[in-house]
N, C-alpha and C. Protein backbone atom coordinates (compact mmCIF):
# COMPACT_ATOMS: atom_id res chain seq x y z
N MET A 1 -32.25 3.48 36.47
CA MET A 1 -31.07 3.34 35.48
C MET A 1 -30.69 3.95 34.66
N SER A 2 -29.81 4.50 34.76
CA SER A 2 -29.19 5.61 33.02
C SER A 2 -29.02 4.85 32.26
N HIS A 3 -28.74 5.53 31.21
CA HIS A 3 -28.31 4.65 29.95
C HIS A 3 -27.41 4.10 29.98
N ALA A 4 -25.82 4.54 29.81
CA ALA A 4 -25.01 3.96 30.18
C ALA A 4 -24.98 3.00 30.58
N LYS A 5 -25.67 2.85 31.99
CA LYS A 5 -25.66 1.01 32.41
C LYS A 5 -25.96 -0.16 32.00
N GLN A 6 -27.28 0.27 30.95
CA GLN A 6 -28.34 -0.49 30.39
C GLN A 6 -27.23 -1.46 29.80
N PRO A 7 -27.25 -1.52 28.97
CA PRO A 7 -26.53 -2.73 28.18
C PRO A 7 -25.59 -3.53 29.00
N LEU A 8 -24.87 -3.00 30.16
CA LEU A 8 -24.23 -3.54 30.68
C LEU A 8 -25.41 -4.83 31.54
N ALA A 9 -26.46 -4.15 32.12
CA ALA A 9 -27.29 -4.56 32.98
C ALA A 9 -28.13 -5.66 31.92
N LEU A 10 -28.04 -5.15 30.77
CA LEU A 10 -28.69 -6.62 29.76
C LEU A 10 -28.06 -7.76 29.50
N ALA A 11 -26.56 -7.48 29.41
CA ALA A 11 -25.82 -8.61 28.93
C ALA A 11 -25.39 -9.58 30.39
N ASN A 12 -25.57 -8.68 31.37
CA ASN A 12 -25.59 -10.07 32.96
C ASN A 12 -27.10 -10.85 32.19
N HIS A 13 -27.95 -10.39 31.73
CA HIS A 13 -29.00 -11.56 31.43
C HIS A 13 -28.77 -12.60 30.23
N ILE A 14 -28.58 -12.04 29.83
CA ILE A 14 -27.98 -12.82 28.49
C ILE A 14 -27.07 -14.22 29.00
N PRO A 15 -27.30 -15.40 29.17
CA PRO A 15 -26.40 -16.36 29.06
C PRO A 15 -25.04 -16.73 28.36
N VAL A 16 -23.26 -16.84 29.34
CA VAL A 16 -22.60 -16.84 28.84
C VAL A 16 -22.28 -17.47 28.00
N THR A 17 -23.33 -18.91 27.59
CA THR A 17 -22.73 -19.42 26.15
C THR A 17 -23.26 -18.60 25.12
N ARG A 18 -24.59 -17.99 25.13
CA ARG A 18 -24.95 -17.23 24.26
C ARG A 18 -23.84 -15.63 23.77
N ARG A 19 -23.66 -15.59 24.98
CA ARG A 19 -22.47 -14.30 24.69
C ARG A 19 -21.83 -14.68 23.60
N LEU A 20 -20.85 -15.74 24.48
CA LEU A 20 -19.64 -16.32 23.66
C LEU A 20 -20.32 -16.83 21.76
N GLY A 21 -21.36 -17.15 21.68
CA GLY A 21 -21.50 -17.88 20.16
C GLY A 21 -21.87 -16.24 19.35
N ILE A 22 -22.07 -15.37 20.32
CA ILE A 22 -22.29 -13.81 19.60
C ILE A 22 -21.12 -13.35 19.55
N LEU A 23 -20.13 -13.37 19.98
CA LEU A 23 -18.67 -12.92 20.31
C LEU A 23 -18.42 -13.74 18.74
N ASN A 24 -18.18 -15.02 18.52
CA ASN A 24 -17.66 -15.66 17.90
C ASN A 24 -18.41 -15.51 16.63
N ARG A 25 -19.65 -15.60 16.24
CA ARG A 25 -20.13 -14.84 15.15
C ARG A 25 -20.01 -13.52 14.60
N THR A 26 -19.66 -12.82 15.26
CA THR A 26 -18.60 -11.01 15.40
C THR A 26 -17.31 -11.39 14.81
N ASN A 27 -16.34 -12.31 15.59
CA ASN A 27 -15.42 -12.84 14.79
C ASN A 27 -15.25 -13.56 13.09
N GLN A 28 -16.05 -14.33 13.38
CA GLN A 28 -16.30 -14.90 12.09
C GLN A 28 -16.46 -13.79 10.68
N PHE A 29 -17.28 -12.95 10.91
CA PHE A 29 -17.84 -11.67 9.96
C PHE A 29 -16.76 -10.78 9.82
N TRP A 30 -15.98 -10.93 11.26
CA TRP A 30 -14.81 -9.69 10.44
C TRP A 30 -14.27 -10.42 9.81
N THR A 31 -13.87 -11.37 10.33
CA THR A 31 -12.86 -12.37 9.34
C THR A 31 -12.94 -13.10 8.13
N HIS A 32 -14.39 -13.41 7.89
CA HIS A 32 -15.05 -12.87 6.51
C HIS A 32 -14.66 -11.93 5.78
N ARG A 33 -14.88 -10.51 6.40
CA ARG A 33 -14.94 -8.97 5.44
C ARG A 33 -13.43 -8.72 5.13
N GLN A 34 -12.25 -9.27 6.23
CA GLN A 34 -11.38 -8.98 5.89
C GLN A 34 -10.63 -9.72 4.54
N LYS A 35 -11.09 -10.99 4.69
CA LYS A 35 -10.73 -11.95 3.59
C LYS A 35 -11.28 -11.31 2.10
N VAL A 36 -12.20 -11.16 2.14
CA VAL A 36 -13.29 -10.47 1.48
C VAL A 36 -12.46 -9.13 0.94
N GLU A 37 -12.15 -8.33 1.55
CA GLU A 37 -11.30 -7.05 0.94
C GLU A 37 -10.03 -7.52 0.80
N VAL A 38 -9.40 -8.78 1.26
CA VAL A 38 -8.11 -8.71 0.44
C VAL A 38 -8.20 -9.84 -0.71
N ALA A 39 -9.37 -10.14 -1.01
CA ALA A 39 -9.65 -10.56 -2.53
C ALA A 39 -9.89 -9.45 -3.62
N THR A 40 -10.23 -8.54 -3.28
CA THR A 40 -11.06 -7.96 -3.79
C THR A 40 -9.51 -6.63 -4.50
N ILE A 41 -8.57 -6.56 -3.41
CA ILE A 41 -7.30 -5.50 -3.42
C ILE A 41 -6.92 -6.72 -4.39
N HIS A 42 -6.47 -7.68 -4.71
CA HIS A 42 -5.84 -8.61 -5.26
C HIS A 42 -6.61 -9.09 -6.62
N ALA A 43 -7.51 -9.00 -6.68
CA ALA A 43 -8.43 -8.85 -7.92
C ALA A 43 -8.06 -7.32 -8.96
N ARG A 44 -7.64 -6.22 -7.83
CA ARG A 44 -7.68 -5.06 -8.58
C ARG A 44 -6.35 -5.07 -9.07
N LEU A 45 -5.14 -5.93 -7.89
CA LEU A 45 -3.93 -5.49 -8.45
C LEU A 45 -3.82 -6.46 -9.26
N ASP A 46 -4.40 -7.21 -9.88
CA ASP A 46 -4.10 -8.41 -11.10
C ASP A 46 -4.65 -7.39 -12.69
N ARG A 47 -5.88 -6.49 -11.98
CA ARG A 47 -6.21 -5.72 -13.54
C ARG A 47 -5.08 -4.71 -14.06
N LEU A 48 -5.26 -4.23 -12.33
CA LEU A 48 -3.63 -3.27 -12.64
C LEU A 48 -2.51 -3.34 -13.33
N THR A 49 -2.43 -4.67 -12.95
CA THR A 49 -1.34 -5.12 -13.88
C THR A 49 -0.65 -5.63 -14.87
N LYS A 50 -2.15 -6.31 -15.36
CA LYS A 50 -2.20 -6.58 -16.76
C LYS A 50 -2.85 -5.67 -17.36
N LYS A 51 -3.02 -4.53 -16.94
CA LYS A 51 -3.50 -2.82 -17.97
C LYS A 51 -1.98 -2.53 -18.59
N THR A 52 -0.97 -2.57 -16.90
CA THR A 52 -0.17 -1.89 -17.61
C THR A 52 1.01 -2.52 -18.15
N LEU A 53 0.86 -4.02 -18.18
CA LEU A 53 1.80 -5.09 -19.05
C LEU A 53 1.67 -5.01 -20.56
N ILE A 54 0.05 -4.95 -20.81
CA ILE A 54 -0.57 -4.34 -22.23
C ILE A 54 0.16 -2.93 -22.71
N ARG A 55 -0.26 -1.88 -21.96
CA ARG A 55 0.18 -0.53 -22.33
C ARG A 55 1.30 -0.91 -22.58
N ALA A 56 2.40 -1.62 -21.58
CA ALA A 56 3.98 -1.19 -21.93
C ALA A 56 4.31 -1.98 -23.21
N CYS A 57 3.63 -3.17 -23.37
CA CYS A 57 3.80 -3.69 -24.90
C CYS A 57 3.31 -2.97 -25.98
N GLY A 58 2.27 -2.61 -25.88
CA GLY A 58 2.05 -2.02 -26.83
C GLY A 58 2.90 -0.12 -27.23
N SER A 59 3.63 -0.09 -26.14
CA SER A 59 4.59 0.98 -26.34
C SER A 59 3.87 2.05 -26.22
N LYS A 60 2.92 2.36 -25.24
CA LYS A 60 2.01 3.59 -25.03
C LYS A 60 2.13 4.03 -23.68
N LEU A 61 3.08 3.44 -22.84
CA LEU A 61 3.66 4.06 -21.48
C LEU A 61 4.77 4.25 -22.14
N THR A 62 5.95 3.79 -22.58
CA THR A 62 7.16 4.41 -23.43
C THR A 62 6.79 5.48 -24.25
N ALA A 63 6.46 5.48 -24.79
CA ALA A 63 5.78 6.62 -25.32
C ALA A 63 6.19 7.43 -24.93
N GLY A 64 5.07 8.18 -24.07
CA GLY A 64 4.94 9.43 -23.04
C GLY A 64 5.90 9.34 -21.92
N TRP A 65 6.56 8.11 -21.83
CA TRP A 65 7.73 8.22 -20.78
C TRP A 65 8.92 9.38 -21.69
N SER A 66 9.05 8.50 -22.90
CA SER A 66 10.37 9.23 -23.74
C SER A 66 9.41 10.96 -24.10
N ALA A 67 8.57 11.17 -24.27
CA ALA A 67 8.48 11.95 -24.47
C ALA A 67 8.25 13.39 -23.13
N VAL A 68 8.30 13.03 -22.06
CA VAL A 68 8.20 13.94 -20.64
C VAL A 68 10.24 14.21 -20.59
N ASN A 69 10.71 12.69 -20.90
CA ASN A 69 12.66 12.60 -20.53
C ASN A 69 13.38 12.30 -21.86
N PRO A 70 12.94 13.67 -22.39
CA PRO A 70 13.99 13.28 -23.61
C PRO A 70 15.38 13.20 -23.59
N ASP A 71 15.65 13.61 -22.33
CA ASP A 71 16.87 14.00 -21.97
C ASP A 71 17.56 12.48 -21.90
N LEU A 72 16.95 11.72 -21.18
CA LEU A 72 17.51 10.67 -20.50
C LEU A 72 18.06 9.54 -21.79
N ILE A 73 17.03 9.69 -23.07
CA ILE A 73 17.43 8.48 -23.57
C ILE A 73 18.25 9.58 -25.31
N SER A 74 18.46 10.19 -24.70
CA SER A 74 19.23 11.01 -26.21
C SER A 74 20.68 11.07 -25.61
N GLY A 75 21.69 10.84 -26.55
CA GLY A 75 23.23 11.27 -25.97
C GLY A 75 23.71 10.42 -25.26
N LYS A 76 24.31 10.24 -23.95
CA LYS A 76 24.25 9.23 -23.33
C LYS A 76 23.39 8.25 -22.85
N SER A 77 23.42 6.93 -23.07
CA SER A 77 21.75 6.10 -22.56
C SER A 77 21.70 6.37 -21.10
N PHE A 78 20.48 6.24 -20.45
CA PHE A 78 20.12 6.36 -19.41
C PHE A 78 20.94 5.48 -18.28
N ALA A 79 21.04 4.21 -18.95
CA ALA A 79 21.53 3.18 -18.15
C ALA A 79 23.41 3.62 -17.81
N ASP A 80 23.83 4.27 -18.64
CA ASP A 80 25.35 4.73 -18.34
C ASP A 80 25.13 6.15 -17.47
N THR A 81 24.55 6.72 -17.23
CA THR A 81 24.28 7.74 -16.46
C THR A 81 23.89 7.58 -15.35
N LEU A 82 22.75 6.32 -14.94
CA LEU A 82 22.26 6.13 -13.47
C LEU A 82 23.30 5.81 -12.47
N PRO A 83 24.19 4.83 -12.90
CA PRO A 83 25.50 4.94 -11.69
C PRO A 83 25.72 6.44 -11.15
N GLU A 84 26.37 7.29 -12.46
CA GLU A 84 26.94 8.67 -11.58
C GLU A 84 25.66 9.37 -10.72
N LYS A 85 24.25 9.11 -11.01
CA LYS A 85 23.40 10.06 -10.26
C LYS A 85 23.52 9.39 -9.33
N ILE A 86 23.09 8.05 -8.85
CA ILE A 86 22.72 7.36 -7.98
C ILE A 86 24.26 7.78 -6.94
N GLU A 87 25.03 7.97 -7.37
CA GLU A 87 26.58 7.94 -6.54
C GLU A 87 26.51 9.56 -5.73
N SER A 88 25.95 10.32 -6.70
CA SER A 88 25.88 11.97 -6.72
C SER A 88 24.89 12.10 -5.70
N GLU A 89 23.36 10.99 -5.17
CA GLU A 89 22.50 11.48 -4.83
C GLU A 89 23.08 10.92 -2.96
N HIS A 90 24.09 10.21 -3.31
CA HIS A 90 24.27 9.23 -2.42
C HIS A 90 25.05 10.22 -1.33
N GLU A 91 26.54 10.80 -2.15
CA GLU A 91 27.40 11.76 -1.51
C GLU A 91 26.21 12.81 -1.52
N VAL A 92 25.02 13.49 -1.53
CA VAL A 92 24.49 14.37 -0.70
C VAL A 92 23.58 14.11 0.46
N HIS A 93 23.10 12.62 0.12
CA HIS A 93 22.24 12.30 1.56
C HIS A 93 23.45 12.31 2.85
N GLN A 94 24.82 11.32 2.23
CA GLN A 94 25.90 11.48 3.24
C GLN A 94 26.05 12.62 3.91
N LYS A 95 26.13 14.03 2.97
CA LYS A 95 26.59 15.15 3.84
C LYS A 95 25.31 15.88 4.67
N LYS A 96 24.19 15.68 4.17
CA LYS A 96 23.17 16.18 4.83
C LYS A 96 23.14 15.42 6.38
N HIS A 97 23.47 13.99 6.42
CA HIS A 97 23.48 12.73 7.61
C HIS A 97 24.70 13.60 8.75
N LYS A 98 25.87 13.63 7.59
CA LYS A 98 26.97 13.96 8.56
C LYS A 98 26.80 15.27 8.88
N GLU A 99 26.55 16.66 8.67
CA GLU A 99 25.65 17.48 9.12
C GLU A 99 24.42 17.31 10.18
N ARG A 100 23.63 16.88 9.79
CA ARG A 100 22.46 16.37 11.11
C ARG A 100 23.46 16.16 12.69
N LYS A 101 24.64 15.28 12.35
CA LYS A 101 25.04 14.59 13.46
C LYS A 101 26.10 15.09 14.31
N GLU A 102 26.50 16.00 13.02
CA GLU A 102 27.28 17.08 13.89
C GLU A 102 26.53 18.56 14.85
N ALA A 103 24.98 18.16 14.14
CA ALA A 103 24.32 19.92 15.15
C ALA A 103 23.84 19.09 16.80
């Protein structure tokens, strides 16, 4: 008997109710594992959110962003220039889409 056929041959000797029990326990294990993974992900996101809020409230995030983007906070405010930037990016995207369609 080849090794590839042995598991099938052994499975035939296990009663159907026992096989169903094993399958049920395996499914329960994987369901539990997925729940634990989801809970772990939620806990990590909560910690990350709290850390981000603490840094933002302490002006630690804004200070770094301001240092990296001085042009966005001087002269015209970022809120005033944002619609213009969105419109120009939208026009560029439309031109590219039109060129692809024509090709």
